[in-house]
Amino acid sequence: MNEKTAVVALAALAQETRLRIFRALIGAGPEGLTPSALAAMLGLAGSNLSFHLKELGRSDLVTVERDGRQLFYRPNLAHMNGLVGYLVDHCCQGEDCSPSPKGAKQCGAPTC
């Protein structure tokens, strides 16, 4: 992932409705959801949902697959994981700072 790609993805998520849609798709997992299921779940009008799904698709955070007449929207988990990895890549100056037992160094600690 590069800086430009990260900015596009973060910009897509920096809108309340798109963030709600993306979180709903993450909750659904790889099976995804149809637009009608998403609209009912989130209380969105179809045209509003369609606009936001297009933006999430342009950012590569969401994929769409047609199965007959149905569309299934799915989170692009590889892209999401790449974004998270990009954001924390330089955490703690490259040292492991994952939480561990008592007294362990963690991100945000004064010595980190």
PDB file of N, CA and C in Angstrom:
ATOM      1  N   MET A   1       0.855  -1.177   0.000  1.00  0.00           N
ATOM      2  CA  MET A   1       0.000   0.000   0.000  1.00  0.00           C
ATOM      3  C   MET A   1       0.896   1.234   0.000  1.00  0.00           C
ATOM      4  N   ASN A   2       0.470   2.245  -0.740  1.00  0.00           N
ATOM      5  CA  ASN A   2       1.219   3.490  -0.750  1.00  0.00           C
ATOM      6  C   ASN A   2       0.359   4.603  -0.142  1.00  0.00           C
ATOM      7  N   GLU A   3       0.961   5.754   0.022  1.00  0.00           N
ATOM      8  CA  GLU A   3       0.282   6.863   0.688  1.00  0.00           C
ATOM      9  C   GLU A   3      -0.989   7.289  -0.040  1.00  0.00           C
ATOM     10  N   LYS A   4      -0.935   7.386  -1.367  1.00  0.00           N
ATOM     11  CA  LYS A   4      -2.104   7.827  -2.139  1.00  0.00           C
ATOM     12  C   LYS A   4      -3.274   6.854  -1.971  1.00  0.00           C
ATOM     13  N   THR A   5      -2.984   5.567  -2.044  1.00  0.00           N
ATOM     14  CA  THR A   5      -4.030   4.547  -1.883  1.00  0.00           C
ATOM     15  C   THR A   5      -4.628   4.610  -0.484  1.00  0.00           C
ATOM     16  N   ALA A   6      -3.791   4.814   0.523  1.00  0.00           N
ATOM     17  CA  ALA A   6      -4.273   4.916   1.908  1.00  0.00           C
ATOM     18  C   ALA A   6      -5.171   6.137   2.080  1.00  0.00           C
ATOM     19  N   VAL A   7      -4.794   7.245   1.478  1.00  0.00           N
ATOM     20  CA  VAL A   7      -5.596   8.466   1.593  1.00  0.00           C
ATOM     21  C   VAL A   7      -6.967   8.275   0.951  1.00  0.00           C
ATOM     22  N   VAL A   8      -7.016   7.624  -0.195  1.00  0.00           N
ATOM     23  CA  VAL A   8      -8.295   7.369  -0.872  1.00  0.00           C
ATOM     24  C   VAL A   8      -9.194   6.499   0.008  1.00  0.00           C
ATOM     25  N   ALA A   9      -8.634   5.447   0.589  1.00  0.00           N
ATOM     26  CA  ALA A   9      -9.420   4.554   1.446  1.00  0.00           C
ATOM     27  C   ALA A   9      -9.892   5.274   2.707  1.00  0.00           C
ATOM     28  N   LEU A  10      -9.011   6.026   3.324  1.00  0.00           N
ATOM     29  CA  LEU A  10      -9.385   6.750   4.540  1.00  0.00           C
ATOM     30  C   LEU A  10     -10.428   7.819   4.251  1.00  0.00           C
ATOM     31  N   ALA A  11     -10.316   8.483   3.099  1.00  0.00           N
ATOM     32  CA  ALA A  11     -11.310   9.490   2.716  1.00  0.00           C
ATOM     33  C   ALA A  11     -12.681   8.848   2.528  1.00  0.00           C
ATOM     34  N   ALA A  12     -12.712   7.660   1.946  1.00  0.00           N
ATOM     35  CA  ALA A  12     -13.987   6.962   1.760  1.00  0.00           C
ATOM     36  C   ALA A  12     -14.626   6.621   3.099  1.00  0.00           C
ATOM     37  N   LEU A  13     -13.816   6.263   4.067  1.00  0.00           N
ATOM     38  CA  LEU A  13     -14.342   5.887   5.386  1.00  0.00           C
ATOM     39  C   LEU A  13     -14.625   7.093   6.276  1.00  0.00           C
ATOM     40  N   ALA A  14     -14.186   8.268   5.859  1.00  0.00           N
ATOM     41  CA  ALA A  14     -14.348   9.474   6.669  1.00  0.00           C
ATOM     42  C   ALA A  14     -15.714  10.119   6.440  1.00  0.00           C
ATOM     43  N   GLN A  15     -16.703   9.308   6.213  1.00  0.00           N
ATOM     44  CA  GLN A  15     -18.071   9.772   6.028  1.00  0.00           C
ATOM     45  C   GLN A  15     -18.963   8.795   6.780  1.00  0.00           C
ATOM     46  N   GLU A  16     -19.852   9.316   7.596  1.00  0.00           N
ATOM     47  CA  GLU A  16     -20.633   8.499   8.535  1.00  0.00           C
ATOM     48  C   GLU A  16     -21.389   7.351   7.867  1.00  0.00           C
ATOM     49  N   THR A  17     -22.096   7.614   6.790  1.00  0.00           N
ATOM     50  CA  THR A  17     -22.890   6.569   6.135  1.00  0.00           C
ATOM     51  C   THR A  17     -21.989   5.486   5.553  1.00  0.00           C
ATOM     52  N   ARG A  18     -20.907   5.891   4.886  1.00  0.00           N
ATOM     53  CA  ARG A  18     -20.000   4.898   4.311  1.00  0.00           C
ATOM     54  C   ARG A  18     -19.331   4.068   5.393  1.00  0.00           C
ATOM     55  N   LEU A  19     -18.999   4.675   6.504  1.00  0.00           N
ATOM     56  CA  LEU A  19     -18.413   3.918   7.607  1.00  0.00           C
ATOM     57  C   LEU A  19     -19.411   2.901   8.139  1.00  0.00           C
ATOM     58  N   ARG A  20     -20.665   3.281   8.271  1.00  0.00           N
ATOM     59  CA  ARG A  20     -21.705   2.350   8.718  1.00  0.00           C
ATOM     60  C   ARG A  20     -21.872   1.194   7.734  1.00  0.00           C
ATOM     61  N   ILE A  21     -21.875   1.503   6.446  1.00  0.00           N
ATOM     62  CA  ILE A  21     -22.008   0.469   5.418  1.00  0.00           C
ATOM     63  C   ILE A  21     -20.821  -0.483   5.494  1.00  0.00           C
ATOM     64  N   PHE A  22     -19.622   0.064   5.566  1.00  0.00           N
ATOM     65  CA  PHE A  22     -18.427  -0.772   5.601  1.00  0.00           C
ATOM     66  C   PHE A  22     -18.430  -1.664   6.839  1.00  0.00           C
ATOM     67  N   ARG A  23     -18.802  -1.135   7.981  1.00  0.00           N
ATOM     68  CA  ARG A  23     -18.847  -1.940   9.207  1.00  0.00           C
ATOM     69  C   ARG A  23     -19.899  -3.046   9.107  1.00  0.00           C
ATOM     70  N   ALA A  24     -21.019  -2.747   8.464  1.00  0.00           N
ATOM     71  CA  ALA A  24     -22.044  -3.778   8.263  1.00  0.00           C
ATOM     72  C   ALA A  24     -21.508  -4.889   7.364  1.00  0.00           C
ATOM     73  N   LEU A  25     -20.780  -4.520   6.322  1.00  0.00           N
ATOM     74  CA  LEU A  25     -20.203  -5.525   5.423  1.00  0.00           C
ATOM     75  C   LEU A  25     -19.123  -6.336   6.125  1.00  0.00           C
ATOM     76  N   ILE A  26     -18.324  -5.706   6.952  1.00  0.00           N
ATOM     77  CA  ILE A  26     -17.325  -6.438   7.735  1.00  0.00           C
ATOM     78  C   ILE A  26     -18.026  -7.452   8.634  1.00  0.00           C
ATOM     79  N   GLY A  27     -19.124  -7.045   9.237  1.00  0.00           N
ATOM     80  CA  GLY A  27     -19.890  -7.955  10.096  1.00  0.00           C
ATOM     81  C   GLY A  27     -20.454  -9.143   9.333  1.00  0.00           C
ATOM     82  N   ALA A  28     -20.822  -8.908   8.079  1.00  0.00           N
ATOM     83  CA  ALA A  28     -21.371  -9.991   7.250  1.00  0.00           C
ATOM     84  C   ALA A  28     -20.280 -10.945   6.791  1.00  0.00           C
ATOM     85  N   GLY A  29     -19.045 -10.459   6.727  1.00  0.00           N
ATOM     86  CA  GLY A  29     -17.927 -11.308   6.319  1.00  0.00           C
ATOM     87  C   GLY A  29     -17.898 -11.562   4.830  1.00  0.00           C
ATOM     88  N   PRO A  30     -17.196 -12.603   4.429  1.00  0.00           N
ATOM     89  CA  PRO A  30     -16.985 -12.893   3.009  1.00  0.00           C
ATOM     90  C   PRO A  30     -18.267 -13.192   2.227  1.00  0.00           C
ATOM     91  N   GLU A  31     -19.342 -13.571   2.905  1.00  0.00           N
ATOM     92  CA  GLU A  31     -20.599 -13.834   2.199  1.00  0.00           C
ATOM     93  C   GLU A  31     -21.201 -12.562   1.637  1.00  0.00           C
ATOM     94  N   GLY A  32     -20.949 -11.445   2.291  1.00  0.00           N
ATOM     95  CA  GLY A  32     -21.449 -10.164   1.825  1.00  0.00           C
ATOM     96  C   GLY A  32     -22.935  -9.988   2.045  1.00  0.00           C
ATOM     97  N   LEU A  33     -23.442  -8.893   1.516  1.00  0.00           N
ATOM     98  CA  LEU A  33     -24.860  -8.548   1.651  1.00  0.00           C
ATOM     99  C   LEU A  33     -25.371  -7.980   0.339  1.00  0.00           C
ATOM    100  N   THR A  34     -26.646  -8.140   0.102  1.00  0.00           N
ATOM    101  CA  THR A  34     -27.288  -7.525  -1.055  1.00  0.00           C
ATOM    102  C   THR A  34     -27.621  -6.078  -0.709  1.00  0.00           C
ATOM    103  N   PRO A  35     -27.807  -5.241  -1.716  1.00  0.00           N
ATOM    104  CA  PRO A  35     -28.195  -3.858  -1.433  1.00  0.00           C
ATOM    105  C   PRO A  35     -29.499  -3.763  -0.636  1.00  0.00           C
ATOM    106  N   SER A  36     -30.448  -4.622  -0.933  1.00  0.00           N
ATOM    107  CA  SER A  36     -31.718  -4.560  -0.198  1.00  0.00           C
ATOM    108  C   SER A  36     -31.524  -4.924   1.274  1.00  0.00           C
ATOM    109  N   ALA A  37     -30.662  -5.901   1.555  1.00  0.00           N
ATOM    110  CA  ALA A  37     -30.385  -6.260   2.947  1.00  0.00           C
ATOM    111  C   ALA A  37     -29.672  -5.116   3.665  1.00  0.00           C
ATOM    112  N   LEU A  38     -28.709  -4.511   2.983  1.00  0.00           N
ATOM    113  CA  LEU A  38     -27.991  -3.367   3.568  1.00  0.00           C
ATOM    114  C   LEU A  38     -28.946  -2.201   3.826  1.00  0.00           C
ATOM    115  N   ALA A  39     -29.788  -1.889   2.849  1.00  0.00           N
ATOM    116  CA  ALA A  39     -30.730  -0.773   2.988  1.00  0.00           C
ATOM    117  C   ALA A  39     -31.662  -0.994   4.168  1.00  0.00           C
ATOM    118  N   ALA A  40     -32.171  -2.212   4.304  1.00  0.00           N
ATOM    119  CA  ALA A  40     -33.066  -2.513   5.424  1.00  0.00           C
ATOM    120  C   ALA A  40     -32.326  -2.451   6.758  1.00  0.00           C
ATOM    121  N   MET A  41     -31.132  -2.983   6.792  1.00  0.00           N
ATOM    122  CA  MET A  41     -30.340  -3.024   8.022  1.00  0.00           C
ATOM    123  C   MET A  41     -29.989  -1.615   8.512  1.00  0.00           C
ATOM    124  N   LEU A  42     -29.661  -0.731   7.561  1.00  0.00           N
ATOM    125  CA  LEU A  42     -29.177   0.597   7.929  1.00  0.00           C
ATOM    126  C   LEU A  42     -30.213   1.704   7.768  1.00  0.00           C
ATOM    127  N   GLY A  43     -31.393   1.351   7.253  1.00  0.00           N
ATOM    128  CA  GLY A  43     -32.443   2.346   7.077  1.00  0.00           C
ATOM    129  C   GLY A  43     -32.104   3.397   6.031  1.00  0.00           C
ATOM    130  N   LEU A  44     -31.520   2.954   4.915  1.00  0.00           N
ATOM    131  CA  LEU A  44     -31.098   3.868   3.857  1.00  0.00           C
ATOM    132  C   LEU A  44     -31.956   3.700   2.613  1.00  0.00           C
ATOM    133  N   ALA A  45     -32.155   4.793   1.904  1.00  0.00           N
ATOM    134  CA  ALA A  45     -32.835   4.734   0.612  1.00  0.00           C
ATOM    135  C   ALA A  45     -31.884   4.110  -0.402  1.00  0.00           C
ATOM    136  N   GLY A  46     -32.440   3.420  -1.376  1.00  0.00           N
ATOM    137  CA  GLY A  46     -31.636   2.730  -2.379  1.00  0.00           C
ATOM    138  C   GLY A  46     -30.660   3.628  -3.125  1.00  0.00           C
ATOM    139  N   SER A  47     -31.117   4.822  -3.525  1.00  0.00           N
ATOM    140  CA  SER A  47     -30.234   5.724  -4.274  1.00  0.00           C
ATOM    141  C   SER A  47     -29.086   6.232  -3.405  1.00  0.00           C
ATOM    142  N   ASN A  48     -29.371   6.501  -2.156  1.00  0.00           N
ATOM    143  CA  ASN A  48     -28.335   6.946  -1.218  1.00  0.00           C
ATOM    144  C   ASN A  48     -27.317   5.831  -0.999  1.00  0.00           C
ATOM    145  N   LEU A  49     -27.800   4.613  -0.794  1.00  0.00           N
ATOM    146  CA  LEU A  49     -26.929   3.461  -0.597  1.00  0.00           C
ATOM    147  C   LEU A  49     -26.056   3.238  -1.822  1.00  0.00           C
ATOM    148  N   SER A  50     -26.638   3.310  -2.993  1.00  0.00           N
ATOM    149  CA  SER A  50     -25.903   3.097  -4.234  1.00  0.00           C
ATOM    150  C   SER A  50     -24.754   4.091  -4.382  1.00  0.00           C
ATOM    151  N   PHE A  51     -25.010   5.356  -4.076  1.00  0.00           N
ATOM    152  CA  PHE A  51     -23.974   6.385  -4.147  1.00  0.00           C
ATOM    153  C   PHE A  51     -22.792   6.027  -3.246  1.00  0.00           C
ATOM    154  N   HIS A  52     -23.082   5.635  -2.020  1.00  0.00           N
ATOM    155  CA  HIS A  52     -22.019   5.334  -1.059  1.00  0.00           C
ATOM    156  C   HIS A  52     -21.294   4.030  -1.396  1.00  0.00           C
ATOM    157  N   LEU A  53     -22.002   3.050  -1.910  1.00  0.00           N
ATOM    158  CA  LEU A  53     -21.347   1.804  -2.325  1.00  0.00           C
ATOM    159  C   LEU A  53     -20.374   2.057  -3.479  1.00  0.00           C
ATOM    160  N   LYS A  54     -20.741   2.956  -4.386  1.00  0.00           N
ATOM    161  CA  LYS A  54     -19.827   3.302  -5.485  1.00  0.00           C
ATOM    162  C   LYS A  54     -18.545   3.922  -4.943  1.00  0.00           C
ATOM    163  N   GLU A  55     -18.669   4.794  -3.966  1.00  0.00           N
ATOM    164  CA  GLU A  55     -17.480   5.420  -3.381  1.00  0.00           C
ATOM    165  C   GLU A  55     -16.611   4.387  -2.672  1.00  0.00           C
ATOM    166  N   LEU A  56     -17.223   3.475  -1.961  1.00  0.00           N
ATOM    167  CA  LEU A  56     -16.453   2.419  -1.290  1.00  0.00           C
ATOM    168  C   LEU A  56     -15.798   1.506  -2.322  1.00  0.00           C
ATOM    169  N   GLY A  57     -16.469   1.272  -3.426  1.00  0.00           N
ATOM    170  CA  GLY A  57     -15.893   0.466  -4.504  1.00  0.00           C
ATOM    171  C   GLY A  57     -14.703   1.159  -5.156  1.00  0.00           C
ATOM    172  N   ARG A  58     -14.816   2.468  -5.378  1.00  0.00           N
ATOM    173  CA  ARG A  58     -13.703   3.226  -5.972  1.00  0.00           C
ATOM    174  C   ARG A  58     -12.472   3.208  -5.076  1.00  0.00           C
ATOM    175  N   SER A  59     -12.692   3.117  -3.791  1.00  0.00           N
ATOM    176  CA  SER A  59     -11.563   3.087  -2.848  1.00  0.00           C
ATOM    177  C   SER A  59     -11.004   1.682  -2.689  1.00  0.00           C
ATOM    178  N   ASP A  60     -11.620   0.709  -3.329  1.00  0.00           N
ATOM    179  CA  ASP A  60     -11.221  -0.702  -3.293  1.00  0.00           C
ATOM    180  C   ASP A  60     -11.461  -1.355  -1.934  1.00  0.00           C
ATOM    181  N   LEU A  61     -12.306  -0.739  -1.100  1.00  0.00           N
ATOM    182  CA  LEU A  61     -12.636  -1.336   0.197  1.00  0.00           C
ATOM    183  C   LEU A  61     -13.787  -2.328   0.077  1.00  0.00           C
ATOM    184  N   VAL A  62     -14.528  -2.243  -1.022  1.00  0.00           N
ATOM    185  CA  VAL A  62     -15.702  -3.090  -1.234  1.00  0.00           C
ATOM    186  C   VAL A  62     -15.653  -3.653  -2.646  1.00  0.00           C
ATOM    187  N   THR A  63     -16.031  -4.907  -2.777  1.00  0.00           N
ATOM    188  CA  THR A  63     -16.157  -5.521  -4.096  1.00  0.00           C
ATOM    189  C   THR A  63     -17.625  -5.876  -4.322  1.00  0.00           C
ATOM    190  N   VAL A  64     -17.998  -6.045  -5.563  1.00  0.00           N
ATOM    191  CA  VAL A  64     -19.363  -6.424  -5.900  1.00  0.00           C
ATOM    192  C   VAL A  64     -19.316  -7.594  -6.872  1.00  0.00           C
ATOM    193  N   GLU A  65     -20.227  -8.524  -6.668  1.00  0.00           N
ATOM    194  CA  GLU A  65     -20.316  -9.692  -7.543  1.00  0.00           C
ATOM    195  C   GLU A  65     -21.780  -9.936  -7.880  1.00  0.00           C
ATOM    196  N   ARG A  66     -22.024 -10.183  -9.144  1.00  0.00           N
ATOM    197  CA  ARG A  66     -23.388 -10.484  -9.582  1.00  0.00           C
ATOM    198  C   ARG A  66     -23.602 -11.993  -9.562  1.00  0.00           C
ATOM    199  N   ASP A  67     -24.743 -12.398  -9.005  1.00  0.00           N
ATOM    200  CA  ASP A  67     -25.160 -13.796  -9.017  1.00  0.00           C
ATOM    201  C   ASP A  67     -26.593 -13.804  -9.536  1.00  0.00           C
ATOM    202  N   GLY A  68     -26.739 -14.019 -10.835  1.00  0.00           N
ATOM    203  CA  GLY A  68     -28.060 -13.917 -11.455  1.00  0.00           C
ATOM    204  C   GLY A  68     -28.513 -12.467 -11.428  1.00  0.00           C
ATOM    205  N   ARG A  69     -29.646 -12.232 -10.786  1.00  0.00           N
ATOM    206  CA  ARG A  69     -30.166 -10.864 -10.671  1.00  0.00           C
ATOM    207  C   ARG A  69     -29.679 -10.157  -9.419  1.00  0.00           C
ATOM    208  N   GLN A  70     -29.085 -10.887  -8.527  1.00  0.00           N
ATOM    209  CA  GLN A  70     -28.640 -10.320  -7.246  1.00  0.00           C
ATOM    210  C   GLN A  70     -27.212  -9.791  -7.319  1.00  0.00           C
ATOM    211  N   LEU A  71     -26.969  -8.690  -6.628  1.00  0.00           N
ATOM    212  CA  LEU A  71     -25.622  -8.171  -6.426  1.00  0.00           C
ATOM    213  C   LEU A  71     -25.239  -8.453  -4.983  1.00  0.00           C
ATOM    214  N   PHE A  72     -24.015  -8.876  -4.781  1.00  0.00           N
ATOM    215  CA  PHE A  72     -23.507  -9.098  -3.435  1.00  0.00           C
ATOM    216  C   PHE A  72     -22.299  -8.196  -3.223  1.00  0.00           C
ATOM    217  N   TYR A  73     -22.404  -7.363  -2.218  1.00  0.00           N
ATOM    218  CA  TYR A  73     -21.297  -6.489  -1.847  1.00  0.00           C
ATOM    219  C   TYR A  73     -20.545  -7.135  -0.703  1.00  0.00           C
ATOM    220  N   ARG A  74     -19.227  -7.122  -0.835  1.00  0.00           N
ATOM    221  CA  ARG A  74     -18.370  -7.761   0.168  1.00  0.00           C
ATOM    222  C   ARG A  74     -17.236  -6.817   0.548  1.00  0.00           C
ATOM    223  N   PRO A  75     -16.786  -6.910   1.794  1.00  0.00           N
ATOM    224  CA  PRO A  75     -15.615  -6.116   2.159  1.00  0.00           C
ATOM    225  C   PRO A  75     -14.376  -6.709   1.501  1.00  0.00           C
ATOM    226  N   ASN A  76     -13.497  -5.868   1.022  1.00  0.00           N
ATOM    227  CA  ASN A  76     -12.226  -6.335   0.469  1.00  0.00           C
ATOM    228  C   ASN A  76     -11.261  -6.432   1.651  1.00  0.00           C
ATOM    229  N   LEU A  77     -11.273  -7.592   2.281  1.00  0.00           N
ATOM    230  CA  LEU A  77     -10.507  -7.781   3.513  1.00  0.00           C
ATOM    231  C   LEU A  77      -9.005  -7.633   3.304  1.00  0.00           C
ATOM    232  N   ALA A  78      -8.504  -8.034   2.148  1.00  0.00           N
ATOM    233  CA  ALA A  78      -7.074  -7.889   1.881  1.00  0.00           C
ATOM    234  C   ALA A  78      -6.690  -6.411   1.823  1.00  0.00           C
ATOM    235  N   HIS A  79      -7.532  -5.603   1.188  1.00  0.00           N
ATOM    236  CA  HIS A  79      -7.246  -4.169   1.099  1.00  0.00           C
ATOM    237  C   HIS A  79      -7.359  -3.509   2.470  1.00  0.00           C
ATOM    238  N   MET A  80      -8.373  -3.903   3.241  1.00  0.00           N
ATOM    239  CA  MET A  80      -8.548  -3.355   4.584  1.00  0.00           C
ATOM    240  C   MET A  80      -7.344  -3.706   5.457  1.00  0.00           C
ATOM    241  N   ASN A  81      -6.905  -4.959   5.391  1.00  0.00           N
ATOM    242  CA  ASN A  81      -5.742  -5.373   6.176  1.00  0.00           C
ATOM    243  C   ASN A  81      -4.485  -4.649   5.714  1.00  0.00           C
ATOM    244  N   GLY A  82      -4.370  -4.398   4.415  1.00  0.00           N
ATOM    245  CA  GLY A  82      -3.245  -3.625   3.900  1.00  0.00           C
ATOM    246  C   GLY A  82      -3.252  -2.199   4.432  1.00  0.00           C
ATOM    247  N   LEU A  83      -4.442  -1.611   4.531  1.00  0.00           N
ATOM    248  CA  LEU A  83      -4.570  -0.260   5.067  1.00  0.00           C
ATOM    249  C   LEU A  83      -4.170  -0.215   6.538  1.00  0.00           C
ATOM    250  N   VAL A  84      -4.679  -1.153   7.310  1.00  0.00           N
ATOM    251  CA  VAL A  84      -4.323  -1.208   8.733  1.00  0.00           C
ATOM    252  C   VAL A  84      -2.821  -1.428   8.887  1.00  0.00           C
ATOM    253  N   GLY A  85      -2.269  -2.316   8.092  1.00  0.00           N
ATOM    254  CA  GLY A  85      -0.833  -2.563   8.140  1.00  0.00           C
ATOM    255  C   GLY A  85      -0.037  -1.315   7.804  1.00  0.00           C
ATOM    256  N   TYR A  86      -0.494  -0.576   6.795  1.00  0.00           N
ATOM    257  CA  TYR A  86       0.175   0.666   6.407  1.00  0.00           C
ATOM    258  C   TYR A  86       0.149   1.676   7.558  1.00  0.00           C
ATOM    259  N   LEU A  87      -0.983   1.756   8.252  1.00  0.00           N
ATOM    260  CA  LEU A  87      -1.125   2.727   9.331  1.00  0.00           C
ATOM    261  C   LEU A  87      -0.224   2.423  10.520  1.00  0.00           C
ATOM    262  N   VAL A  88       0.020   1.153  10.778  1.00  0.00           N
ATOM    263  CA  VAL A  88       0.807   0.795  11.970  1.00  0.00           C
ATOM    264  C   VAL A  88       2.219   0.320  11.626  1.00  0.00           C
ATOM    265  N   ASP A  89       2.591   0.429  10.384  1.00  0.00           N
ATOM    266  CA  ASP A  89       3.872  -0.091   9.916  1.00  0.00           C
ATOM    267  C   ASP A  89       5.070   0.452  10.679  1.00  0.00           C
ATOM    268  N   HIS A  90       5.020   1.681  11.087  1.00  0.00           N
ATOM    269  CA  HIS A  90       6.167   2.287  11.764  1.00  0.00           C
ATOM    270  C   HIS A  90       5.925   2.473  13.256  1.00  0.00           C
ATOM    271  N   CYS A  91       4.983   1.747  13.790  1.00  0.00           N
ATOM    272  CA  CYS A  91       4.657   1.836  15.206  1.00  0.00           C
ATOM    273  C   CYS A  91       5.881   1.480  16.059  1.00  0.00           C
ATOM    274  N   CYS A  92       6.107   2.236  17.089  1.00  0.00           N
ATOM    275  CA  CYS A  92       7.176   1.954  18.058  1.00  0.00           C
ATOM    276  C   CYS A  92       8.545   1.832  17.390  1.00  0.00           C
ATOM    277  N   GLN A  93       8.761   2.644  16.377  1.00  0.00           N
ATOM    278  CA  GLN A  93      10.036   2.672  15.679  1.00  0.00           C
ATOM    279  C   GLN A  93      10.453   1.296  15.164  1.00  0.00           C
ATOM    280  N   GLY A  94       9.469   0.526  14.716  1.00  0.00           N
ATOM    281  CA  GLY A  94       9.744  -0.775  14.124  1.00  0.00           C
ATOM    282  C   GLY A  94       9.888  -1.907  15.106  1.00  0.00           C
ATOM    283  N   GLU A  95       9.809  -1.638  16.404  1.00  0.00           N
ATOM    284  CA  GLU A  95       9.911  -2.702  17.401  1.00  0.00           C
ATOM    285  C   GLU A  95       8.533  -3.278  17.695  1.00  0.00           C
ATOM    286  N   ASP A  96       8.499  -4.511  18.138  1.00  0.00           N
ATOM    287  CA  ASP A  96       7.237  -5.140  18.514  1.00  0.00           C
ATOM    288  C   ASP A  96       6.694  -4.442  19.750  1.00  0.00           C
ATOM    289  N   CYS A  97       5.482  -3.947  19.646  1.00  0.00           N
ATOM    290  CA  CYS A  97       4.888  -3.259  20.795  1.00  0.00           C
ATOM    291  C   CYS A  97       3.493  -3.801  21.079  1.00  0.00           C
ATOM    292  N   SER A  98       3.257  -5.024  20.685  1.00  0.00           N
ATOM    293  CA  SER A  98       1.957  -5.623  20.952  1.00  0.00           C
ATOM    294  C   SER A  98       1.811  -5.855  22.445  1.00  0.00           C
ATOM    295  N   PRO A  99       0.576  -5.752  22.929  1.00  0.00           N
ATOM    296  CA  PRO A  99       0.368  -5.945  24.364  1.00  0.00           C
ATOM    297  C   PRO A  99       0.857  -7.313  24.821  1.00  0.00           C
ATOM    298  N   SER A 100       1.538  -7.328  25.924  1.00  0.00           N
ATOM    299  CA  SER A 100       1.995  -8.577  26.509  1.00  0.00           C
ATOM    300  C   SER A 100       1.968  -8.423  28.029  1.00  0.00           C
ATOM    301  N   PRO A 101       2.428  -9.406  28.747  1.00  0.00           N
ATOM    302  CA  PRO A 101       2.307  -9.361  30.197  1.00  0.00           C
ATOM    303  C   PRO A 101       2.856  -8.096  30.836  1.00  0.00           C
ATOM    304  N   LYS A 102       2.478  -7.908  32.051  1.00  0.00           N
ATOM    305  CA  LYS A 102       2.837  -6.801  32.928  1.00  0.00           C
ATOM    306  C   LYS A 102       4.188  -6.149  32.600  1.00  0.00           C
ATOM    307  N   GLY A 103       4.172  -4.833  32.479  1.00  0.00           N
ATOM    308  CA  GLY A 103       5.402  -4.087  32.286  1.00  0.00           C
ATOM    309  C   GLY A 103       5.913  -4.049  30.865  1.00  0.00           C
ATOM    310  N   ALA A 104       5.179  -4.634  29.937  1.00  0.00           N
ATOM    311  CA  ALA A 104       5.650  -4.672  28.548  1.00  0.00           C
ATOM    312  C   ALA A 104       5.478  -3.315  27.883  1.00  0.00           C
ATOM    313  N   LYS A 105       6.326  -3.039  26.932  1.00  0.00           N
ATOM    314  CA  LYS A 105       6.263  -1.798  26.171  1.00  0.00           C
ATOM    315  C   LYS A 105       5.045  -1.834  25.249  1.00  0.00           C
ATOM    316  N   GLN A 106       4.308  -0.739  25.193  1.00  0.00           N
ATOM    317  CA  GLN A 106       3.146  -0.643  24.327  1.00  0.00           C
ATOM    318  C   GLN A 106       3.179   0.682  23.590  1.00  0.00           C
ATOM    319  N   CYS A 107       2.561   0.723  22.400  1.00  0.00           N
ATOM    320  CA  CYS A 107       2.472   1.998  21.676  1.00  0.00           C
ATOM    321  C   CYS A 107       1.805   3.032  22.564  1.00  0.00           C
ATOM    322  N   GLY A 108       2.299   4.212  22.539  1.00  0.00           N
ATOM    323  CA  GLY A 108       1.739   5.276  23.345  1.00  0.00           C
ATOM    324  C   GLY A 108       2.425   5.408  24.689  1.00  0.00           C
ATOM    325  N   ALA A 109       3.224   4.432  25.074  1.00  0.00           N
ATOM    326  CA  ALA A 109       3.968   4.515  26.330  1.00  0.00           C
ATOM    327  C   ALA A 109       5.050   5.567  26.180  1.00  0.00           C
ATOM    328  N   PRO A 110       5.430   6.264  27.254  1.00  0.00           N
ATOM    329  CA  PRO A 110       6.427   7.322  27.153  1.00  0.00           C
ATOM    330  C   PRO A 110       7.754   6.880  26.520  1.00  0.00           C
ATOM    331  N   THR A 111       8.120   5.628  26.646  1.00  0.00           N
ATOM    332  CA  THR A 111       9.397   5.171  26.073  1.00  0.00           C
ATOM    333  C   THR A 111       9.242   4.644  24.664  1.00  0.00           C
ATOM    334  N   CYS A 112       8.050   4.626  24.144  1.00  0.00           N
ATOM    335  CA  CYS A 112       7.804   4.068  22.813  1.00  0.00           C
ATOM    336  C   CYS A 112       8.024   5.106  21.756  1.00  0.00           C
TER     337      CYS A 112
END
